[in-house]
N, C-alpha and C. Protein backbone atom coordinates (compact mmCIF):
# COMPACT_ATOMS: atom_id res chain seq x y z
N MET A 1 -4.43 10.99 16.87
CA MET A 1 -3.89 11.37 15.59
C MET A 1 -2.49 10.84 15.49
N TYR A 2 -1.72 11.01 16.50
CA TYR A 2 -0.33 10.57 16.44
C TYR A 2 -0.17 9.13 15.98
N SER A 3 -0.94 8.26 16.61
CA SER A 3 -0.82 6.83 16.21
C SER A 3 -1.13 6.60 14.77
N LEU A 4 -2.21 7.18 14.26
CA LEU A 4 -2.53 6.99 12.87
C LEU A 4 -1.55 7.60 11.94
N THR A 5 -1.04 8.79 12.21
CA THR A 5 -0.08 9.36 11.29
C THR A 5 1.23 8.61 11.41
N LYS A 6 1.56 8.04 12.54
CA LYS A 6 2.72 7.17 12.65
C LYS A 6 2.54 5.91 11.77
N HIS A 7 1.34 5.32 11.82
CA HIS A 7 1.04 4.16 11.02
C HIS A 7 1.19 4.44 9.47
N LEU A 8 0.69 5.60 9.12
CA LEU A 8 0.71 5.96 7.69
C LEU A 8 2.15 6.28 7.28
N GLY A 9 2.87 6.90 8.18
CA GLY A 9 4.30 7.16 7.96
C GLY A 9 5.01 5.83 7.78
N TYR A 10 4.67 4.79 8.53
CA TYR A 10 5.23 3.49 8.41
C TYR A 10 4.91 2.91 7.06
N THR A 11 3.68 3.09 6.66
CA THR A 11 3.30 2.51 5.33
C THR A 11 4.18 3.13 4.18
N VAL A 12 4.36 4.48 4.28
CA VAL A 12 5.18 5.13 3.24
C VAL A 12 6.65 4.53 3.32
N TRP A 13 7.19 4.41 4.51
CA TRP A 13 8.50 3.92 4.74
C TRP A 13 8.67 2.50 4.19
N ALA A 14 7.74 1.60 4.56
CA ALA A 14 7.78 0.20 4.13
C ALA A 14 7.58 0.11 2.59
N THR A 15 6.71 0.85 2.04
CA THR A 15 6.55 0.79 0.55
C THR A 15 7.80 1.31 -0.12
N THR A 16 8.38 2.34 0.43
CA THR A 16 9.63 2.91 -0.15
C THR A 16 10.74 1.80 -0.14
N LYS A 17 10.90 1.16 0.97
CA LYS A 17 11.92 0.11 1.10
C LYS A 17 11.67 -1.03 0.10
N LEU A 18 10.51 -1.51 0.03
CA LEU A 18 10.17 -2.61 -0.88
C LEU A 18 10.33 -2.17 -2.32
N SER A 19 9.86 -0.93 -2.63
CA SER A 19 10.09 -0.39 -4.00
C SER A 19 11.52 -0.33 -4.40
N GLN A 20 12.36 0.12 -3.46
CA GLN A 20 13.78 0.20 -3.77
C GLN A 20 14.36 -1.18 -4.04
N ILE A 21 13.97 -2.21 -3.35
CA ILE A 21 14.44 -3.57 -3.67
C ILE A 21 13.93 -4.03 -5.01
N LEU A 22 12.69 -3.77 -5.29
CA LEU A 22 12.08 -4.16 -6.57
C LEU A 22 12.66 -3.47 -7.74
N GLU A 23 13.12 -2.22 -7.54
CA GLU A 23 13.78 -1.48 -8.65
C GLU A 23 14.99 -2.24 -9.14
N LYS A 24 15.67 -3.02 -8.33
CA LYS A 24 16.83 -3.75 -8.69
C LYS A 24 16.52 -5.05 -9.41
N ALA A 25 15.25 -5.45 -9.36
CA ALA A 25 14.86 -6.73 -9.93
C ALA A 25 14.58 -6.58 -11.43
N ASP A 26 14.75 -7.63 -12.14
CA ASP A 26 14.39 -7.64 -13.59
C ASP A 26 12.88 -7.52 -13.63
N GLU A 27 12.41 -6.78 -14.59
CA GLU A 27 10.98 -6.54 -14.76
C GLU A 27 10.20 -7.87 -14.89
N SER A 28 10.84 -8.89 -15.41
CA SER A 28 10.13 -10.17 -15.59
C SER A 28 9.71 -10.80 -14.31
N LEU A 29 10.48 -10.53 -13.22
CA LEU A 29 10.12 -11.00 -11.92
C LEU A 29 8.75 -10.58 -11.47
N LEU A 30 8.42 -9.36 -11.86
CA LEU A 30 7.07 -8.85 -11.45
C LEU A 30 5.90 -9.47 -12.20
N LYS A 31 6.21 -10.16 -13.25
CA LYS A 31 5.19 -10.83 -14.08
C LYS A 31 5.17 -12.32 -13.95
N LYS A 32 6.07 -12.90 -13.18
CA LYS A 32 6.08 -14.35 -12.95
C LYS A 32 4.91 -14.82 -12.10
N GLU A 33 4.27 -15.90 -12.51
CA GLU A 33 3.11 -16.33 -11.73
C GLU A 33 3.48 -17.14 -10.54
N THR A 34 2.80 -16.96 -9.43
CA THR A 34 2.96 -17.57 -8.16
C THR A 34 1.57 -17.73 -7.53
N PRO A 35 1.30 -18.89 -6.97
CA PRO A 35 0.00 -18.98 -6.22
C PRO A 35 -0.04 -17.99 -5.06
N SER A 36 -0.96 -17.13 -5.05
CA SER A 36 -1.14 -16.13 -4.00
C SER A 36 -2.46 -15.49 -4.22
N SER A 37 -2.76 -14.49 -3.40
CA SER A 37 -4.13 -13.77 -3.54
C SER A 37 -4.17 -13.21 -4.97
N PHE A 38 -3.06 -12.65 -5.44
CA PHE A 38 -2.99 -12.19 -6.85
C PHE A 38 -1.76 -12.88 -7.39
N ASN A 39 -1.83 -13.38 -8.61
CA ASN A 39 -0.82 -14.34 -9.02
C ASN A 39 0.49 -13.81 -9.53
N THR A 40 0.73 -12.49 -9.48
CA THR A 40 2.03 -11.95 -9.80
C THR A 40 2.32 -10.81 -8.81
N ILE A 41 3.56 -10.39 -8.70
CA ILE A 41 3.96 -9.28 -7.94
C ILE A 41 3.29 -8.04 -8.50
N GLU A 42 3.33 -7.89 -9.81
CA GLU A 42 2.73 -6.75 -10.40
C GLU A 42 1.25 -6.60 -10.07
N LYS A 43 0.47 -7.71 -10.17
CA LYS A 43 -0.98 -7.66 -9.79
C LYS A 43 -1.11 -7.32 -8.32
N THR A 44 -0.26 -7.82 -7.51
CA THR A 44 -0.36 -7.55 -6.08
C THR A 44 -0.17 -6.08 -5.81
N ILE A 45 0.89 -5.49 -6.47
CA ILE A 45 1.15 -4.07 -6.28
C ILE A 45 -0.07 -3.29 -6.87
N LEU A 46 -0.59 -3.62 -7.94
CA LEU A 46 -1.76 -2.93 -8.53
C LEU A 46 -2.93 -3.00 -7.60
N HIS A 47 -3.11 -4.16 -6.99
CA HIS A 47 -4.22 -4.29 -6.00
C HIS A 47 -4.04 -3.36 -4.80
N ILE A 48 -2.83 -3.28 -4.21
CA ILE A 48 -2.62 -2.38 -3.11
C ILE A 48 -2.86 -0.96 -3.54
N TRP A 49 -2.27 -0.60 -4.68
CA TRP A 49 -2.44 0.76 -5.23
C TRP A 49 -3.95 1.06 -5.47
N ASP A 50 -4.63 0.13 -6.08
CA ASP A 50 -6.11 0.34 -6.32
C ASP A 50 -6.84 0.56 -5.00
N ALA A 51 -6.62 -0.31 -4.05
CA ALA A 51 -7.34 -0.24 -2.77
C ALA A 51 -7.06 1.08 -2.11
N ASP A 52 -5.77 1.45 -2.04
CA ASP A 52 -5.38 2.66 -1.35
C ASP A 52 -6.05 3.90 -2.02
N LEU A 53 -6.00 3.85 -3.42
CA LEU A 53 -6.58 5.00 -4.14
C LEU A 53 -8.08 5.07 -4.00
N VAL A 54 -8.74 3.94 -3.97
CA VAL A 54 -10.21 3.88 -3.73
C VAL A 54 -10.50 4.50 -2.35
N TRP A 55 -9.77 4.13 -1.36
CA TRP A 55 -10.00 4.67 0.01
C TRP A 55 -9.67 6.14 0.06
N LEU A 56 -8.62 6.59 -0.57
CA LEU A 56 -8.25 8.01 -0.58
C LEU A 56 -9.40 8.80 -1.25
N LYS A 57 -9.88 8.29 -2.32
CA LYS A 57 -10.97 9.00 -3.07
C LYS A 57 -12.22 9.08 -2.17
N ARG A 58 -12.55 7.99 -1.45
CA ARG A 58 -13.67 8.01 -0.58
C ARG A 58 -13.48 9.01 0.53
N LEU A 59 -12.27 9.15 1.08
CA LEU A 59 -11.96 10.18 2.10
C LEU A 59 -12.13 11.58 1.57
N GLN A 60 -11.91 11.73 0.31
CA GLN A 60 -11.99 13.02 -0.41
C GLN A 60 -13.42 13.25 -0.88
N GLY A 61 -14.34 12.34 -0.59
CA GLY A 61 -15.76 12.51 -0.98
C GLY A 61 -16.13 12.02 -2.33
N GLU A 62 -15.25 11.22 -2.99
CA GLU A 62 -15.49 10.72 -4.33
C GLU A 62 -15.72 9.21 -4.25
N SER A 63 -16.42 8.72 -5.23
CA SER A 63 -16.63 7.28 -5.31
C SER A 63 -16.16 6.83 -6.76
N LEU A 64 -15.30 5.81 -6.73
CA LEU A 64 -14.84 5.30 -7.99
C LEU A 64 -15.72 4.12 -8.36
N LEU A 65 -16.00 3.98 -9.61
CA LEU A 65 -16.95 2.82 -10.05
C LEU A 65 -16.18 1.70 -10.65
N GLU A 66 -14.90 1.88 -10.91
CA GLU A 66 -14.07 0.77 -11.35
C GLU A 66 -12.67 0.86 -10.84
N TRP A 67 -11.96 -0.21 -10.86
CA TRP A 67 -10.62 -0.20 -10.30
C TRP A 67 -9.72 0.66 -11.15
N PRO A 68 -8.94 1.55 -10.52
CA PRO A 68 -8.08 2.47 -11.24
C PRO A 68 -7.07 1.83 -12.15
N SER A 69 -6.55 0.65 -11.81
CA SER A 69 -5.55 0.01 -12.61
C SER A 69 -6.06 -0.83 -13.79
N LYS A 70 -7.38 -0.80 -13.96
CA LYS A 70 -8.03 -1.63 -14.96
C LYS A 70 -7.26 -1.57 -16.32
N ASP A 71 -6.77 -0.42 -16.73
CA ASP A 71 -6.12 -0.30 -18.02
C ASP A 71 -4.64 0.09 -17.87
N PHE A 72 -4.03 -0.26 -16.73
CA PHE A 72 -2.67 0.08 -16.54
C PHE A 72 -1.76 -0.64 -17.54
N LYS A 73 -0.88 0.12 -18.19
CA LYS A 73 0.00 -0.46 -19.19
C LYS A 73 1.46 0.02 -18.96
N GLY A 74 1.70 0.64 -17.82
CA GLY A 74 3.03 1.15 -17.52
C GLY A 74 4.09 0.07 -17.27
N ASP A 75 5.32 0.51 -17.28
CA ASP A 75 6.45 -0.37 -17.01
C ASP A 75 6.73 -0.41 -15.54
N LYS A 76 7.78 -1.16 -15.13
CA LYS A 76 8.09 -1.32 -13.71
C LYS A 76 8.25 0.04 -12.99
N GLY A 77 8.98 0.94 -13.66
CA GLY A 77 9.24 2.27 -13.02
C GLY A 77 7.92 3.01 -12.78
N ALA A 78 6.99 2.99 -13.68
CA ALA A 78 5.69 3.69 -13.53
C ALA A 78 4.87 3.00 -12.47
N LEU A 79 4.95 1.67 -12.40
CA LEU A 79 4.22 0.91 -11.38
C LEU A 79 4.71 1.24 -9.99
N LEU A 80 6.02 1.14 -9.79
CA LEU A 80 6.59 1.46 -8.44
C LEU A 80 6.40 2.89 -8.03
N ALA A 81 6.62 3.81 -8.96
CA ALA A 81 6.46 5.25 -8.64
C ALA A 81 4.96 5.58 -8.33
N GLY A 82 4.04 5.03 -9.10
CA GLY A 82 2.64 5.33 -8.86
C GLY A 82 2.15 4.72 -7.53
N TRP A 83 2.56 3.54 -7.22
CA TRP A 83 2.27 2.88 -5.93
C TRP A 83 2.79 3.72 -4.76
N LEU A 84 4.04 4.13 -4.84
CA LEU A 84 4.59 4.93 -3.78
C LEU A 84 3.95 6.30 -3.67
N GLN A 85 3.72 6.96 -4.79
CA GLN A 85 3.12 8.30 -4.71
C GLN A 85 1.75 8.25 -4.17
N ASN A 86 0.99 7.19 -4.45
CA ASN A 86 -0.36 7.09 -3.90
C ASN A 86 -0.30 6.92 -2.39
N THR A 87 0.67 6.13 -1.89
CA THR A 87 0.89 6.01 -0.43
C THR A 87 1.18 7.34 0.22
N ILE A 88 2.05 8.08 -0.42
CA ILE A 88 2.41 9.40 0.04
C ILE A 88 1.18 10.36 0.07
N ASP A 89 0.47 10.34 -1.03
CA ASP A 89 -0.76 11.19 -1.13
C ASP A 89 -1.73 10.87 0.04
N LEU A 90 -1.97 9.60 0.34
CA LEU A 90 -2.87 9.23 1.40
C LEU A 90 -2.34 9.74 2.74
N ASN A 91 -1.02 9.54 2.96
CA ASN A 91 -0.39 10.03 4.19
C ASN A 91 -0.58 11.54 4.32
N ASN A 92 -0.30 12.27 3.25
CA ASN A 92 -0.39 13.76 3.25
C ASN A 92 -1.84 14.18 3.49
N HIS A 93 -2.78 13.48 2.93
CA HIS A 93 -4.19 13.85 3.12
C HIS A 93 -4.56 13.78 4.66
N VAL A 94 -4.20 12.69 5.25
CA VAL A 94 -4.55 12.52 6.70
C VAL A 94 -3.76 13.47 7.57
N ALA A 95 -2.51 13.61 7.24
CA ALA A 95 -1.65 14.54 8.00
C ALA A 95 -2.10 15.95 8.00
N SER A 96 -2.81 16.33 6.94
CA SER A 96 -3.27 17.71 6.79
C SER A 96 -4.58 18.01 7.60
N LYS A 97 -5.14 16.97 8.22
CA LYS A 97 -6.41 17.06 8.94
C LYS A 97 -6.27 17.25 10.42
N THR A 98 -7.38 17.63 11.06
CA THR A 98 -7.39 17.78 12.51
C THR A 98 -7.64 16.45 13.19
N PRO A 99 -7.35 16.29 14.45
CA PRO A 99 -7.65 15.04 15.15
C PRO A 99 -9.14 14.66 15.12
N GLU A 100 -9.94 15.67 15.12
CA GLU A 100 -11.42 15.45 15.06
C GLU A 100 -11.82 14.74 13.72
N TYR A 101 -11.10 15.02 12.68
CA TYR A 101 -11.39 14.39 11.39
C TYR A 101 -11.41 12.89 11.46
N LEU A 102 -10.49 12.32 12.22
CA LEU A 102 -10.36 10.87 12.31
C LEU A 102 -11.58 10.21 12.95
N GLN A 103 -12.24 10.94 13.79
CA GLN A 103 -13.44 10.39 14.47
C GLN A 103 -14.70 10.54 13.63
N SER A 104 -14.59 11.35 12.57
CA SER A 104 -15.78 11.60 11.71
C SER A 104 -16.15 10.34 10.99
N GLN A 105 -17.41 10.22 10.71
CA GLN A 105 -17.97 9.09 10.04
C GLN A 105 -18.15 9.44 8.60
N ILE A 106 -17.84 8.54 7.67
CA ILE A 106 -18.21 8.78 6.31
C ILE A 106 -19.08 7.63 5.81
N ASN A 107 -19.97 8.01 4.89
CA ASN A 107 -20.80 7.05 4.20
C ASN A 107 -20.22 6.91 2.81
N TYR A 108 -20.17 5.67 2.38
CA TYR A 108 -19.65 5.37 1.04
C TYR A 108 -20.26 4.07 0.53
N LYS A 109 -20.08 3.83 -0.75
CA LYS A 109 -20.49 2.64 -1.38
C LYS A 109 -19.31 1.83 -1.86
N ASN A 110 -19.39 0.52 -1.70
CA ASN A 110 -18.27 -0.29 -2.26
C ASN A 110 -18.46 -0.31 -3.78
N MET A 111 -17.59 -1.01 -4.48
CA MET A 111 -17.59 -1.08 -5.95
C MET A 111 -18.89 -1.66 -6.46
N ALA A 112 -19.56 -2.53 -5.70
CA ALA A 112 -20.78 -3.16 -6.08
C ALA A 112 -22.00 -2.24 -5.79
N GLY A 113 -21.77 -1.12 -5.13
CA GLY A 113 -22.85 -0.23 -4.82
C GLY A 113 -23.48 -0.33 -3.52
N LYS A 114 -22.95 -1.27 -2.70
CA LYS A 114 -23.54 -1.51 -1.33
C LYS A 114 -23.09 -0.37 -0.43
N PRO A 115 -24.01 0.19 0.32
CA PRO A 115 -23.57 1.33 1.20
C PRO A 115 -23.01 0.81 2.54
N TYR A 116 -22.06 1.61 3.02
CA TYR A 116 -21.35 1.37 4.31
C TYR A 116 -21.13 2.69 5.02
N SER A 117 -20.78 2.57 6.26
CA SER A 117 -20.37 3.77 7.07
C SER A 117 -19.30 3.37 8.06
N ASN A 118 -18.23 4.06 8.08
CA ASN A 118 -17.07 3.85 9.04
C ASN A 118 -16.51 5.16 9.38
N THR A 119 -15.76 5.19 10.53
CA THR A 119 -14.98 6.35 10.87
C THR A 119 -13.77 6.35 10.03
N ILE A 120 -13.17 7.54 9.85
CA ILE A 120 -11.92 7.71 9.13
C ILE A 120 -10.82 6.83 9.82
N GLU A 121 -10.84 6.87 11.13
CA GLU A 121 -9.80 6.11 11.91
C GLU A 121 -9.91 4.63 11.52
N GLU A 122 -11.09 4.06 11.53
CA GLU A 122 -11.26 2.65 11.11
C GLU A 122 -10.75 2.37 9.77
N ILE A 123 -11.06 3.28 8.86
CA ILE A 123 -10.53 3.09 7.44
C ILE A 123 -9.05 3.15 7.34
N ILE A 124 -8.43 4.08 8.06
CA ILE A 124 -6.95 4.18 7.98
C ILE A 124 -6.32 2.93 8.56
N TYR A 125 -6.81 2.46 9.72
CA TYR A 125 -6.24 1.21 10.24
C TYR A 125 -6.40 0.07 9.25
N HIS A 126 -7.57 -0.02 8.56
CA HIS A 126 -7.72 -1.08 7.57
C HIS A 126 -6.71 -0.87 6.45
N VAL A 127 -6.51 0.31 5.91
CA VAL A 127 -5.59 0.54 4.82
C VAL A 127 -4.20 0.13 5.18
N VAL A 128 -3.71 0.48 6.36
CA VAL A 128 -2.37 0.15 6.78
C VAL A 128 -2.26 -1.38 6.93
N ASN A 129 -3.21 -2.00 7.56
CA ASN A 129 -3.18 -3.47 7.69
C ASN A 129 -3.19 -4.20 6.39
N HIS A 130 -4.01 -3.71 5.46
CA HIS A 130 -4.15 -4.30 4.19
C HIS A 130 -2.81 -4.26 3.42
N GLY A 131 -2.22 -3.07 3.41
CA GLY A 131 -0.94 -2.94 2.71
C GLY A 131 0.15 -3.81 3.32
N THR A 132 0.20 -3.88 4.66
CA THR A 132 1.18 -4.76 5.31
C THR A 132 1.06 -6.20 4.91
N PHE A 133 -0.17 -6.68 4.88
CA PHE A 133 -0.42 -8.04 4.51
C PHE A 133 0.08 -8.35 3.06
N HIS A 134 -0.22 -7.47 2.13
CA HIS A 134 0.14 -7.71 0.73
C HIS A 134 1.63 -7.48 0.47
N ARG A 135 2.25 -6.56 1.25
CA ARG A 135 3.72 -6.39 1.07
C ARG A 135 4.42 -7.68 1.49
N GLY A 136 3.89 -8.35 2.57
CA GLY A 136 4.50 -9.60 2.96
C GLY A 136 4.35 -10.67 1.90
N GLN A 137 3.21 -10.66 1.19
CA GLN A 137 3.02 -11.57 0.10
C GLN A 137 4.04 -11.37 -1.02
N ILE A 138 4.34 -10.11 -1.28
CA ILE A 138 5.25 -9.72 -2.35
C ILE A 138 6.67 -10.30 -1.98
N VAL A 139 7.11 -10.11 -0.75
CA VAL A 139 8.45 -10.64 -0.36
C VAL A 139 8.37 -12.19 -0.50
N THR A 140 7.32 -12.79 -0.11
CA THR A 140 7.26 -14.30 -0.23
C THR A 140 7.34 -14.69 -1.71
N MET A 141 6.66 -14.00 -2.52
CA MET A 141 6.64 -14.26 -3.99
C MET A 141 8.06 -14.08 -4.57
N MET A 142 8.75 -13.06 -4.10
CA MET A 142 10.14 -12.80 -4.60
C MET A 142 11.00 -13.98 -4.25
N ARG A 143 10.90 -14.44 -3.01
CA ARG A 143 11.74 -15.52 -2.54
C ARG A 143 11.40 -16.82 -3.23
N LYS A 144 10.10 -17.06 -3.53
CA LYS A 144 9.70 -18.25 -4.29
C LYS A 144 10.30 -18.26 -5.70
N HIS A 145 10.60 -17.13 -6.21
CA HIS A 145 11.14 -17.02 -7.59
C HIS A 145 12.70 -16.92 -7.54
N GLY A 146 13.26 -17.25 -6.35
CA GLY A 146 14.72 -17.31 -6.23
C GLY A 146 15.44 -16.00 -6.18
N TRP A 147 14.69 -14.91 -5.74
CA TRP A 147 15.33 -13.63 -5.60
C TRP A 147 16.29 -13.70 -4.42
N THR A 148 17.53 -13.99 -4.71
CA THR A 148 18.54 -14.19 -3.66
C THR A 148 19.30 -12.93 -3.35
N GLU A 149 19.11 -11.89 -4.11
CA GLU A 149 19.72 -10.59 -3.83
C GLU A 149 18.95 -9.81 -2.77
N LEU A 150 17.86 -10.38 -2.28
CA LEU A 150 17.10 -9.69 -1.19
C LEU A 150 17.99 -9.72 0.06
N PRO A 151 18.48 -8.54 0.48
CA PRO A 151 19.35 -8.56 1.67
C PRO A 151 18.63 -9.12 2.88
N ILE A 152 19.37 -9.85 3.69
CA ILE A 152 18.73 -10.46 4.81
C ILE A 152 19.14 -9.84 6.16
N ASN A 153 19.96 -8.78 6.08
CA ASN A 153 20.28 -8.03 7.24
C ASN A 153 19.11 -7.18 7.69
N GLU A 154 18.80 -7.27 8.97
CA GLU A 154 17.58 -6.62 9.50
C GLU A 154 17.52 -5.14 9.14
N GLU A 155 18.64 -4.48 9.27
CA GLU A 155 18.62 -3.03 9.03
C GLU A 155 18.29 -2.67 7.53
N LEU A 156 18.59 -3.66 6.66
CA LEU A 156 18.35 -3.41 5.24
C LEU A 156 17.01 -3.84 4.73
N THR A 157 16.43 -4.93 5.32
CA THR A 157 15.22 -5.48 4.70
C THR A 157 13.98 -5.45 5.54
N SER A 158 14.09 -5.40 6.78
CA SER A 158 12.88 -5.56 7.59
C SER A 158 11.93 -4.39 7.34
N THR A 159 10.75 -4.73 7.03
CA THR A 159 9.72 -3.76 6.84
C THR A 159 8.71 -3.90 8.05
N ASP A 160 9.16 -4.37 9.14
CA ASP A 160 8.35 -4.54 10.35
C ASP A 160 8.15 -3.16 10.90
N LEU A 161 7.02 -2.97 11.57
CA LEU A 161 6.71 -1.73 12.25
C LEU A 161 7.73 -1.39 13.29
N ILE A 162 8.16 -2.37 14.04
CA ILE A 162 9.18 -2.05 15.11
C ILE A 162 10.49 -1.48 14.49
N THR A 163 10.85 -1.99 13.34
CA THR A 163 12.09 -1.44 12.71
C THR A 163 11.90 -0.01 12.31
N TYR A 164 10.70 0.34 11.80
CA TYR A 164 10.34 1.72 11.47
C TYR A 164 10.42 2.56 12.69
N LEU A 165 9.79 2.06 13.79
CA LEU A 165 9.78 2.86 15.00
C LEU A 165 11.20 3.08 15.56
N ARG A 166 12.07 2.12 15.46
CA ARG A 166 13.41 2.27 15.93
C ARG A 166 14.18 3.29 15.05
N GLU A 167 13.98 3.23 13.80
CA GLU A 167 14.65 4.15 12.88
C GLU A 167 14.15 5.57 12.96
N THR A 168 12.97 5.81 13.36
CA THR A 168 12.39 7.14 13.32
C THR A 168 12.32 7.79 14.74
N LYS A 169 12.94 7.16 15.73
CA LYS A 169 12.90 7.74 17.09
C LYS A 169 13.66 9.06 17.08
């Protein structure tokens, strides 16, 4: 349980750091197109938020039939706040459970209706890894658009797991 709660704590920490940096950016930066998995920072954030929320709902015994952000019309503040809150909600959900919970198996269907079964532990590791991958893409997209105000001092910008572990000892 410790390892997974540590990883989810890391996800909240890294999302918070990146959100704080993005708060300083002009909203137009989030909508600029860049070749990537999702072609804007906004769409990448919505994808992370969607995936995390879909997994949280599955852990809570619900199945979503469409992507939550399908009709999102909020501004930058709503985007960043919603993304971060969802990360916190997932962290709190897992932190409130027993160690045995992580070993339990859940059955769920993907958005296309195909059935799957995984342990909670496997799902949490996937969620953390997925978010880390896409946060890295966001930083790359910011730099491609000339975001030069991105601090380069390790203590200020690194969202690496090792930095989190050093800061939370």
